[in-house]
Amino acid sequence: MNDIDKKLLEQIAELHGVPDGSYNIRKNGESIARNSTADIEIVPKKAKSGIDIIVKAGVKNKSVHIPVLLTDGGFKDLVYNDFYIGKDADVTIVAGCGIHNGSSGDSVHDGIHSFHLEENAKVRYVERHVGTGDGSGGKIFNPVTKVRLKKNAVMIMETTQLGGVTDTARKTSATLGDGAKLSVKEKLLTDNFERAVSSFSVKLIGEDSSAEIVSRSVARGNSFQHFKSALVGKNKCFGHVECDGILIGNARISSTPEIDAAHKDASLVHEAAIGKIASEQLLKLMTLGLDEKEAEDTIIQGFLE
């Protein structure tokens, strides 16, 4: 790996080299490093591009890294990854993609991820997207995440996109069984003429299932963000969606909630708050010696923590 590869890998996966345990590092459409263990097996697909990640039942406190790098200008990548998480397993999966584009052509990564969690399984899924390079071509991500949670399974998703991505359309769908829990925390920063759309579709099928989706975003410059959520409760369940956004400059943020309580004991909540940074906050920090830009950056950093 060259210096650009290493820097991207650090940004999206906090790796300084090849990790321990199970991993698959993909660059420009090809796997450049892969390893399986007795607990977590990674198997390349035969009919299409991608891998199957198989976590055995009862595995605890293990992790798997599957970062993707795109460094060839104008490259378009499509990959299908399926995750099979065994009963009672508890693992962390670190994914994400970094695009470095110095060309005039668009570089695109479309990752289709499907999660199948057996009873009592738990997954913490960390996904980061980063765009770098001074070319005029786009740095485009279109991640699709499909989640199926069986009885008492837990899925925790932490998605982060904090710079350089010109266009993204993120689609997440989930179906929850009895006692299953889904938690999503999204952090998003756009600038210039960047565009970001996040769409969530969650079906609470099982009794006592629950879902919490929290999005915190900052839109600067002339960028545009659209947050869409559709929450359906078909049993005794609880669902909470929260969208908080900060506007700077001529940016725009739109939030479209859809709530469908299809059962008398379904409890569904949606909250949204979008606005500019309060002048009182800026003034307080500026009295401590920061200039306006430094004060603004400090507030944004704290908001996106």
Protein backbone atom coordinates (compact mmCIF):
# COMPACT_ATOMS: atom_id res chain seq x y z
CA MET A 1 0.00 0.00 0.00
CA ASN A 2 1.19 3.52 -0.79
CA ASP A 3 0.90 6.63 1.38
CA ILE A 4 -2.54 7.54 0.02
CA ASP A 5 -3.83 4.03 0.79
CA LYS A 6 -2.44 4.17 4.32
CA LYS A 7 -3.95 7.58 5.03
CA LEU A 8 -7.39 6.52 3.75
CA LEU A 9 -7.22 3.30 5.76
CA GLU A 10 -6.47 5.26 8.92
CA GLN A 11 -9.35 7.67 8.27
CA ILE A 12 -12.05 5.09 7.55
CA ALA A 13 -10.98 2.20 9.80
CA GLU A 14 -8.40 3.62 12.25
CA LEU A 15 -5.92 1.08 10.92
CA HIS A 16 -2.18 1.64 10.54
CA GLY A 17 -1.60 -1.56 8.61
CA VAL A 18 -3.05 -5.03 8.22
CA PRO A 19 -5.24 -5.77 11.29
CA ASP A 20 -5.30 -8.85 13.48
CA GLY A 21 -8.11 -11.40 13.17
CA SER A 22 -10.50 -11.56 10.22
CA TYR A 23 -10.28 -8.91 7.51
CA ASN A 24 -10.79 -8.16 3.85
CA ILE A 25 -9.17 -5.06 2.36
CA ARG A 26 -10.51 -4.14 -1.07
CA LYS A 27 -8.85 -1.69 -3.47
CA ASN A 28 -10.12 -0.61 -6.88
CA GLY A 29 -12.45 -3.59 -7.23
CA GLU A 30 -10.06 -6.31 -6.01
CA SER A 31 -9.22 -7.86 -2.66
CA ILE A 32 -5.60 -7.04 -1.78
CA ALA A 33 -5.56 -8.72 1.64
CA ARG A 34 -7.86 -11.27 3.26
CA ASN A 35 -7.78 -13.48 6.33
CA SER A 36 -10.26 -15.82 8.03
CA THR A 37 -10.12 -17.26 11.54
CA ALA A 38 -11.75 -20.22 13.25
CA ASP A 39 -14.47 -17.88 14.57
CA ILE A 40 -15.09 -15.64 11.55
CA GLU A 41 -14.83 -16.90 7.99
CA ILE A 42 -14.66 -14.66 4.92
CA VAL A 43 -15.66 -16.35 1.67
CA PRO A 44 -15.53 -14.64 -1.76
CA LYS A 45 -18.73 -14.85 -3.78
CA LYS A 46 -18.65 -16.85 -7.01
CA ALA A 47 -21.49 -15.35 -9.03
CA LYS A 48 -20.85 -11.66 -8.29
CA SER A 49 -18.40 -9.29 -6.67
CA GLY A 50 -18.35 -9.46 -2.89
CA ILE A 51 -17.88 -11.65 0.16
CA ASP A 52 -19.82 -13.64 2.73
CA ILE A 53 -18.83 -12.98 6.34
CA ILE A 54 -19.82 -15.93 8.54
CA VAL A 55 -19.64 -15.51 12.31
CA LYS A 56 -20.08 -18.75 14.22
CA ALA A 57 -22.62 -19.14 17.03
CA GLY A 58 -21.45 -18.05 20.47
CA VAL A 59 -18.44 -16.03 19.29
CA LYS A 60 -17.75 -13.13 21.68
CA ASN A 61 -15.60 -10.00 21.67
CA LYS A 62 -14.28 -10.44 18.14
CA SER A 63 -13.98 -7.97 15.28
CA VAL A 64 -13.75 -8.03 11.50
CA HIS A 65 -12.47 -5.23 9.22
CA ILE A 66 -13.69 -4.84 5.64
CA PRO A 67 -12.51 -1.40 4.39
CA VAL A 68 -12.67 -0.37 0.73
CA LEU A 69 -10.25 1.98 -1.08
CA LEU A 70 -10.79 3.67 -4.46
CA THR A 71 -7.74 5.49 -5.81
CA ASP A 72 -8.06 5.07 -9.58
CA GLY A 73 -9.73 8.17 -11.02
CA GLY A 74 -13.10 7.55 -12.64
CA PHE A 75 -13.38 4.03 -11.16
CA LYS A 76 -16.85 2.61 -10.45
CA ASP A 77 -17.10 -0.18 -7.87
CA LEU A 78 -20.09 -2.38 -6.99
CA VAL A 79 -19.84 -4.97 -4.22
CA TYR A 80 -22.30 -7.28 -2.44
CA ASN A 81 -21.45 -8.32 1.12
CA ASP A 82 -23.60 -10.67 3.23
CA PHE A 83 -23.13 -11.05 6.98
CA TYR A 84 -24.36 -14.19 8.72
CA ILE A 85 -24.19 -13.75 12.49
CA GLY A 86 -24.70 -16.92 14.52
CA LYS A 87 -26.90 -17.34 17.59
CA ASP A 88 -25.57 -15.62 20.74
CA ALA A 89 -22.59 -14.13 18.89
CA ASP A 90 -21.32 -10.62 19.75
CA VAL A 91 -19.00 -8.94 17.22
CA THR A 92 -17.82 -5.57 15.91
CA ILE A 93 -17.68 -4.98 12.16
CA VAL A 94 -15.65 -2.04 10.84
CA ALA A 95 -16.42 -1.11 7.26
CA GLY A 96 -16.40 2.10 5.25
CA CYS A 97 -14.82 3.41 2.08
CA GLY A 98 -12.28 6.06 1.18
CA ILE A 99 -12.17 7.58 -2.31
CA HIS A 100 -9.15 9.55 -3.53
CA ASN A 101 -9.94 11.10 -6.89
CA GLY A 102 -7.49 13.31 -8.72
CA SER A 103 -9.18 12.99 -12.12
CA SER A 104 -12.05 14.63 -13.99
CA GLY A 105 -14.15 11.43 -14.03
CA ASP A 106 -16.51 10.40 -11.25
CA SER A 107 -15.36 7.72 -8.81
CA VAL A 108 -18.25 5.70 -7.40
CA HIS A 109 -18.59 3.02 -4.72
CA ASP A 110 -21.89 1.19 -4.33
CA GLY A 111 -21.83 -1.22 -1.38
CA ILE A 112 -24.82 -3.54 -0.86
CA HIS A 113 -24.65 -5.00 2.66
CA SER A 114 -27.15 -7.54 4.03
CA PHE A 115 -27.14 -8.55 7.69
CA HIS A 116 -28.77 -11.74 8.97
CA LEU A 117 -28.70 -11.91 12.78
CA GLU A 118 -29.82 -15.08 14.54
CA GLU A 119 -31.45 -15.15 18.01
CA ASN A 120 -29.64 -13.13 20.70
CA ALA A 121 -26.89 -12.10 18.29
CA LYS A 122 -25.36 -8.63 18.63
CA VAL A 123 -23.47 -6.56 16.07
CA ARG A 124 -21.82 -3.16 16.36
CA TYR A 125 -21.37 -1.92 12.80
CA VAL A 126 -19.07 1.06 12.19
CA GLU A 127 -19.06 2.64 8.73
CA ARG A 128 -17.10 5.74 7.69
CA HIS A 129 -16.98 7.47 4.29
CA VAL A 130 -14.26 9.90 3.26
CA GLY A 131 -13.49 11.70 -0.01
CA THR A 132 -10.10 13.24 -0.86
CA GLY A 133 -8.20 14.39 -3.96
CA ASP A 134 -8.17 17.65 -5.92
CA GLY A 135 -9.65 16.37 -9.19
CA SER A 136 -12.88 17.81 -10.57
CA GLY A 137 -14.52 14.39 -10.72
CA GLY A 138 -17.08 13.32 -8.14
CA LYS A 139 -16.49 11.18 -5.07
CA ILE A 140 -19.78 9.32 -4.86
CA PHE A 141 -21.11 6.75 -2.37
CA ASN A 142 -24.41 4.87 -2.57
CA PRO A 143 -24.47 2.45 0.39
CA VAL A 144 -27.43 0.10 0.81
CA THR A 145 -27.85 -1.70 4.14
CA LYS A 146 -30.46 -4.41 4.71
CA VAL A 147 -30.96 -5.76 8.23
CA ARG A 148 -32.96 -8.75 9.44
CA LEU A 149 -33.06 -9.25 13.21
CA LYS A 150 -34.43 -12.42 14.76
CA LYS A 151 -35.66 -12.75 18.36
CA ASN A 152 -33.72 -10.54 20.83
CA ALA A 153 -31.04 -9.71 18.28
CA VAL A 154 -29.34 -6.29 18.54
CA MET A 155 -27.87 -4.16 15.75
CA ILE A 156 -25.95 -0.97 16.56
CA MET A 157 -25.00 1.14 13.53
CA GLU A 158 -22.60 4.09 13.65
CA THR A 159 -22.27 5.85 10.29
CA THR A 160 -20.01 8.83 9.71
CA GLN A 161 -19.41 11.08 6.71
CA LEU A 162 -17.47 14.19 7.61
CA GLY A 163 -15.90 15.58 4.48
CA GLY A 164 -15.10 15.48 0.80
CA VAL A 165 -18.01 13.36 -0.45
CA THR A 166 -19.68 15.12 -3.36
CA ASP A 167 -22.80 12.96 -3.52
CA THR A 168 -24.27 10.16 -1.44
CA ALA A 169 -27.58 8.30 -1.30
CA ARG A 170 -27.74 6.04 1.75
CA LYS A 171 -30.59 3.53 2.00
CA THR A 172 -31.15 1.50 5.16
CA SER A 173 -33.99 -0.99 5.71
CA ALA A 174 -34.64 -3.26 8.67
CA THR A 175 -37.12 -5.87 9.86
CA LEU A 176 -37.24 -6.64 13.57
CA GLY A 177 -38.51 -9.78 15.30
CA ASP A 178 -39.65 -10.26 18.92
CA GLY A 179 -37.54 -8.29 21.37
CA ALA A 180 -35.09 -7.19 18.66
CA LYS A 181 -33.40 -3.78 18.92
CA LEU A 182 -31.97 -1.44 16.28
CA SER A 183 -29.91 1.63 17.12
CA VAL A 184 -28.61 3.97 14.41
CA LYS A 185 -26.40 7.01 14.99
CA GLU A 186 -25.62 9.02 11.86
CA LYS A 187 -23.12 11.90 11.68
CA LEU A 188 -22.99 13.93 8.48
CA LEU A 189 -21.15 17.03 7.24
CA THR A 190 -21.59 18.55 3.78
CA ASP A 191 -20.06 21.67 2.19
CA ASN A 192 -19.83 23.52 -1.12
CA PHE A 193 -22.34 21.94 -3.54
CA GLU A 194 -22.32 18.48 -1.96
CA ARG A 195 -25.52 16.46 -1.72
CA ALA A 196 -26.53 13.80 0.80
CA VAL A 197 -29.74 11.80 1.08
CA SER A 198 -30.36 9.36 3.96
CA SER A 199 -33.39 7.06 3.77
CA PHE A 200 -34.50 4.73 6.56
CA SER A 201 -37.29 2.16 6.37
CA VAL A 202 -37.88 0.15 9.55
CA LYS A 203 -40.58 -2.43 10.22
CA LEU A 204 -41.20 -3.35 13.84
CA ILE A 205 -42.84 -6.72 13.35
CA GLY A 206 -42.06 -8.48 16.62
CA GLU A 207 -43.56 -7.94 20.04
CA ASP A 208 -41.47 -5.61 22.25
CA SER A 209 -39.15 -4.75 19.37
CA SER A 210 -37.61 -1.25 19.35
CA ALA A 211 -35.73 1.10 17.05
CA GLU A 212 -33.90 4.37 17.61
CA ILE A 213 -32.56 6.42 14.71
CA VAL A 214 -30.62 9.59 15.51
CA SER A 215 -29.17 11.81 12.79
CA ARG A 216 -26.92 14.79 13.51
CA SER A 217 -25.85 16.80 10.52
CA VAL A 218 -24.21 20.06 9.51
CA ALA A 219 -24.77 21.59 6.07
CA ARG A 220 -22.42 24.34 4.91
CA GLY A 221 -21.96 26.39 1.76
CA ASN A 222 -24.53 25.53 -0.90
CA SER A 223 -24.88 21.89 0.08
CA PHE A 224 -28.16 19.98 0.36
CA GLN A 225 -29.28 17.22 2.71
CA HIS A 226 -32.49 15.23 2.81
CA PHE A 227 -33.33 12.96 5.73
CA LYS A 228 -36.18 10.51 5.11
CA SER A 229 -37.58 8.01 7.59
CA ALA A 230 -40.45 5.53 7.42
CA LEU A 231 -41.26 3.74 10.66
CA VAL A 232 -43.95 1.03 10.78
CA GLY A 233 -45.13 -0.55 14.04
CA LYS A 234 -47.03 -3.79 13.54
CA ASN A 235 -46.95 -5.03 17.12
CA LYS A 236 -46.42 -3.82 20.67
CA CYS A 237 -43.22 -1.85 20.03
CA PHE A 238 -41.35 1.43 20.41
CA GLY A 239 -39.74 3.55 17.73
CA HIS A 240 -37.97 6.90 17.98
CA VAL A 241 -36.54 8.98 15.13
CA GLU A 242 -34.58 12.19 15.74
CA CYS A 243 -33.12 14.54 13.14
CA ASP A 244 -31.02 17.51 14.32
CA GLY A 245 -29.34 19.77 11.78
CA ILE A 246 -27.26 22.95 11.67
CA LEU A 247 -27.39 25.27 8.65
CA ILE A 248 -24.49 27.52 7.63
CA GLY A 249 -24.38 29.81 4.60
CA ASN A 250 -26.85 28.99 1.82
CA ALA A 251 -27.19 25.30 2.68
CA ARG A 252 -30.50 23.47 2.90
CA ILE A 253 -31.72 20.53 5.02
CA SER A 254 -35.04 18.75 4.49
CA SER A 255 -36.61 16.18 6.83
CA THR A 256 -39.46 13.90 5.74
CA PRO A 257 -40.96 11.74 8.50
CA GLU A 258 -43.42 8.91 7.94
CA ILE A 259 -44.92 7.06 10.90
CA ASP A 260 -47.38 4.19 10.60
CA ALA A 261 -48.77 2.77 13.84
CA ALA A 262 -50.48 -0.40 12.61
CA HIS A 263 -51.06 -1.82 16.10
CA LYS A 264 -52.83 -0.34 19.11
CA ASP A 265 -49.76 -0.81 21.32
CA ALA A 266 -47.25 0.67 18.90
CA SER A 267 -45.54 3.81 20.24
CA LEU A 268 -43.74 5.82 17.55
CA VAL A 269 -42.08 9.24 17.90
CA HIS A 270 -40.41 11.60 15.42
CA GLU A 271 -38.49 14.75 16.34
CA ALA A 272 -36.73 17.24 14.08
CA ALA A 273 -34.84 20.46 14.80
CA ILE A 274 -33.02 22.37 12.06
CA GLY A 275 -31.55 25.86 12.31
CA LYS A 276 -28.46 28.03 12.42
CA ILE A 277 -25.90 28.30 15.20
CA ALA A 278 -27.17 30.59 17.94
CA SER A 279 -25.34 33.91 17.99
CA GLU A 280 -25.07 33.64 21.79
CA GLN A 281 -22.99 30.46 21.42
CA LEU A 282 -20.61 32.13 18.97
CA LEU A 283 -20.29 35.25 21.12
CA LYS A 284 -19.50 33.23 24.24
CA LEU A 285 -16.64 31.37 22.56
CA MET A 286 -15.32 34.53 20.88
CA THR A 287 -15.05 36.22 24.28
CA LEU A 288 -12.67 33.39 25.21
CA GLY A 289 -10.30 34.41 22.41
CA LEU A 290 -11.54 32.44 19.40
CA ASP A 291 -12.27 34.11 16.09
CA GLU A 292 -15.66 33.50 14.45
CA LYS A 293 -14.45 30.61 12.27
CA GLU A 294 -12.74 28.89 15.20
CA ALA A 295 -15.84 29.33 17.35
CA GLU A 296 -18.04 27.91 14.60
CA ASP A 297 -15.77 24.88 14.12
CA THR A 298 -15.72 24.23 17.88
CA ILE A 299 -19.52 24.22 18.05
CA ILE A 300 -19.77 21.91 15.03
CA GLN A 301 -17.21 19.50 16.46
CA GLY A 302 -19.13 19.28 19.73
CA PHE A 303 -22.46 18.87 17.93
CA LEU A 304 -21.15 15.96 15.84
CA GLU A 305 -19.45 14.16 18.76
